[in-house]
Amino acid sequence: MPSVQKAHKEYPAKDVVVMTISLDGGDGTAVKKYLDEFKFTMPTAHDKGMAYGRQINARGVPMTFIIDRNQNVVARGMGPLDLDRPDVKKMIQNLVAKRG
């Protein structure tokens, strides 16, 4: 999650939204507590009914997705994804370059 927070701060001026989606069945209280405790400020959606999770074929948590502006999943992986990895940064930069 630290690299997600870092990317959230790094990309907003570049037309990229970095966010998390909570797929837990609760009311979001535990997720909010976790985000507050570690001072994460990226937007977080709560998908209690898993409607969006099913739409993008989420198979477990954590899972990481990179979704383009047309809502196409362009990359996915089980587990956390370090958004500081050079290959991931390059993919995001390529998506930003395609805007228009």
C-alpha atoms as a PDB file:
ATOM      1  CA  MET A   1       0.000   0.000   0.000  1.00  0.00           C
ATOM      2  CA  PRO A   2       2.832   2.501   0.483  1.00  0.00           C
ATOM      3  CA  SER A   3       3.585   2.461  -3.256  1.00  0.00           C
ATOM      4  CA  VAL A   4      -0.130   2.976  -3.981  1.00  0.00           C
ATOM      5  CA  GLN A   5      -0.130   6.024  -1.700  1.00  0.00           C
ATOM      6  CA  LYS A   6       3.017   7.320  -3.384  1.00  0.00           C
ATOM      7  CA  ALA A   7       1.486   6.863  -6.843  1.00  0.00           C
ATOM      8  CA  HIS A   8      -1.680   8.612  -5.681  1.00  0.00           C
ATOM      9  CA  LYS A   9       0.423  11.650  -4.823  1.00  0.00           C
ATOM     10  CA  GLU A  10       2.592  11.407  -7.956  1.00  0.00           C
ATOM     11  CA  TYR A  11       0.012  11.039 -10.721  1.00  0.00           C
ATOM     12  CA  PRO A  12      -3.008  13.315 -10.127  1.00  0.00           C
ATOM     13  CA  ALA A  13      -1.672  16.070 -12.363  1.00  0.00           C
ATOM     14  CA  LYS A  14      -1.180  13.455 -15.085  1.00  0.00           C
ATOM     15  CA  ASP A  15      -4.835  12.402 -15.383  1.00  0.00           C
ATOM     16  CA  VAL A  16      -4.380   9.144 -13.461  1.00  0.00           C
ATOM     17  CA  VAL A  17      -6.564   8.071 -10.570  1.00  0.00           C
ATOM     18  CA  VAL A  18      -4.928   5.763  -8.061  1.00  0.00           C
ATOM     19  CA  MET A  19      -7.413   4.266  -5.652  1.00  0.00           C
ATOM     20  CA  THR A  20      -8.291   1.206  -3.651  1.00  0.00           C
ATOM     21  CA  ILE A  21     -11.496  -0.782  -3.583  1.00  0.00           C
ATOM     22  CA  SER A  22     -12.535  -2.594  -0.433  1.00  0.00           C
ATOM     23  CA  LEU A  23     -14.306  -5.860  -1.171  1.00  0.00           C
ATOM     24  CA  ASP A  24     -15.098  -6.761   2.428  1.00  0.00           C
ATOM     25  CA  GLY A  25     -18.670  -7.524   3.370  1.00  0.00           C
ATOM     26  CA  GLY A  26     -18.683  -5.173   6.327  1.00  0.00           C
ATOM     27  CA  ASP A  27     -19.668  -1.555   6.556  1.00  0.00           C
ATOM     28  CA  GLY A  28     -16.225  -0.182   5.703  1.00  0.00           C
ATOM     29  CA  THR A  29     -15.328   0.716   9.293  1.00  0.00           C
ATOM     30  CA  ALA A  30     -12.316  -1.639   9.442  1.00  0.00           C
ATOM     31  CA  VAL A  31     -10.975  -0.339   6.133  1.00  0.00           C
ATOM     32  CA  LYS A  32     -11.356   3.288   7.210  1.00  0.00           C
ATOM     33  CA  LYS A  33      -9.567   2.523  10.482  1.00  0.00           C
ATOM     34  CA  TYR A  34      -6.687   0.872   8.597  1.00  0.00           C
ATOM     35  CA  LEU A  35      -6.370   3.752   6.119  1.00  0.00           C
ATOM     36  CA  ASP A  36      -6.466   6.315   8.925  1.00  0.00           C
ATOM     37  CA  GLU A  37      -3.919   4.407  11.041  1.00  0.00           C
ATOM     38  CA  PHE A  38      -1.350   4.387   8.238  1.00  0.00           C
ATOM     39  CA  LYS A  39      -2.325   7.852   6.941  1.00  0.00           C
ATOM     40  CA  PHE A  40      -3.283   6.622   3.474  1.00  0.00           C
ATOM     41  CA  THR A  41      -5.181   9.344   1.604  1.00  0.00           C
ATOM     42  CA  MET A  42      -5.970   7.730  -1.742  1.00  0.00           C
ATOM     43  CA  PRO A  43      -9.674   7.433  -2.535  1.00  0.00           C
ATOM     44  CA  THR A  44     -11.235   4.168  -1.443  1.00  0.00           C
ATOM     45  CA  ALA A  45     -14.500   2.729  -2.698  1.00  0.00           C
ATOM     46  CA  HIS A  46     -16.440   0.137  -0.711  1.00  0.00           C
ATOM     47  CA  ASP A  47     -17.785  -2.668  -2.915  1.00  0.00           C
ATOM     48  CA  LYS A  48     -19.763  -4.505  -0.226  1.00  0.00           C
ATOM     49  CA  GLY A  49     -21.815  -6.561  -2.678  1.00  0.00           C
ATOM     50  CA  MET A  50     -18.801  -7.331  -4.932  1.00  0.00           C
ATOM     51  CA  ALA A  51     -20.610  -5.974  -8.015  1.00  0.00           C
ATOM     52  CA  TYR A  52     -17.509  -4.216  -9.348  1.00  0.00           C
ATOM     53  CA  GLY A  53     -15.232  -7.019  -8.148  1.00  0.00           C
ATOM     54  CA  ARG A  54     -17.223  -9.500 -10.249  1.00  0.00           C
ATOM     55  CA  GLN A  55     -17.187  -7.133 -13.239  1.00  0.00           C
ATOM     56  CA  ILE A  56     -13.383  -6.984 -13.286  1.00  0.00           C
ATOM     57  CA  ASN A  57     -12.998 -10.648 -12.283  1.00  0.00           C
ATOM     58  CA  ALA A  58     -11.387 -10.132  -8.868  1.00  0.00           C
ATOM     59  CA  ARG A  59     -10.375 -13.560  -7.572  1.00  0.00           C
ATOM     60  CA  GLY A  60      -8.945 -12.724  -4.172  1.00  0.00           C
ATOM     61  CA  VAL A  61      -7.477  -9.994  -2.048  1.00  0.00           C
ATOM     62  CA  PRO A  62      -5.278  -8.235  -2.376  1.00  0.00           C
ATOM     63  CA  MET A  63      -5.404  -7.987  -6.116  1.00  0.00           C
ATOM     64  CA  THR A  64      -4.006  -5.181  -8.204  1.00  0.00           C
ATOM     65  CA  PHE A  65      -5.491  -3.889 -11.449  1.00  0.00           C
ATOM     66  CA  ILE A  66      -4.442  -1.194 -13.866  1.00  0.00           C
ATOM     67  CA  ILE A  67      -7.510   0.071 -15.699  1.00  0.00           C
ATOM     68  CA  ASP A  68      -7.366   2.489 -18.603  1.00  0.00           C
ATOM     69  CA  ARG A  69      -9.658   5.488 -19.122  1.00  0.00           C
ATOM     70  CA  ASN A  70     -12.085   3.300 -21.113  1.00  0.00           C
ATOM     71  CA  GLN A  71     -12.427   1.007 -18.090  1.00  0.00           C
ATOM     72  CA  ASN A  72     -10.459  -1.795 -19.736  1.00  0.00           C
ATOM     73  CA  VAL A  73      -8.271  -3.870 -17.424  1.00  0.00           C
ATOM     74  CA  VAL A  74      -4.811  -3.599 -18.995  1.00  0.00           C
ATOM     75  CA  ALA A  75      -2.910  -5.404 -16.236  1.00  0.00           C
ATOM     76  CA  ARG A  76      -3.794  -7.506 -13.225  1.00  0.00           C
ATOM     77  CA  GLY A  77      -2.021  -9.541 -10.653  1.00  0.00           C
ATOM     78  CA  MET A  78      -2.680 -11.477  -7.490  1.00  0.00           C
ATOM     79  CA  GLY A  79      -1.284  -9.813  -4.430  1.00  0.00           C
ATOM     80  CA  PRO A  80       0.054  -6.341  -4.010  1.00  0.00           C
ATOM     81  CA  LEU A  81       1.786  -4.672  -6.928  1.00  0.00           C
ATOM     82  CA  ASP A  82       4.691  -2.333  -6.291  1.00  0.00           C
ATOM     83  CA  LEU A  83       3.768   0.725  -8.331  1.00  0.00           C
ATOM     84  CA  ASP A  84       7.381   1.889  -8.033  1.00  0.00           C
ATOM     85  CA  ARG A  85       8.633  -0.968 -10.215  1.00  0.00           C
ATOM     86  CA  PRO A  86      10.129   0.418 -13.442  1.00  0.00           C
ATOM     87  CA  ASP A  87       7.948  -1.764 -15.683  1.00  0.00           C
ATOM     88  CA  VAL A  88       4.781  -0.684 -13.884  1.00  0.00           C
ATOM     89  CA  LYS A  89       5.754   2.992 -13.976  1.00  0.00           C
ATOM     90  CA  LYS A  90       6.443   2.649 -17.711  1.00  0.00           C
ATOM     91  CA  MET A  91       3.018   1.075 -18.283  1.00  0.00           C
ATOM     92  CA  ILE A  92       1.312   3.929 -16.446  1.00  0.00           C
ATOM     93  CA  GLN A  93       3.346   6.520 -18.356  1.00  0.00           C
ATOM     94  CA  ASN A  94       2.313   4.857 -21.631  1.00  0.00           C
ATOM     95  CA  LEU A  95      -1.357   5.020 -20.615  1.00  0.00           C
ATOM     96  CA  VAL A  96      -0.982   8.707 -19.737  1.00  0.00           C
ATOM     97  CA  ALA A  97       0.662   9.360 -23.115  1.00  0.00           C
ATOM     98  CA  LYS A  98      -2.367   7.821 -24.904  1.00  0.00           C
ATOM     99  CA  ARG A  99      -4.833  10.292 -23.410  1.00  0.00           C
ATOM    100  CA  GLY A 100      -6.654  12.520 -25.757  1.00  0.00           C
END
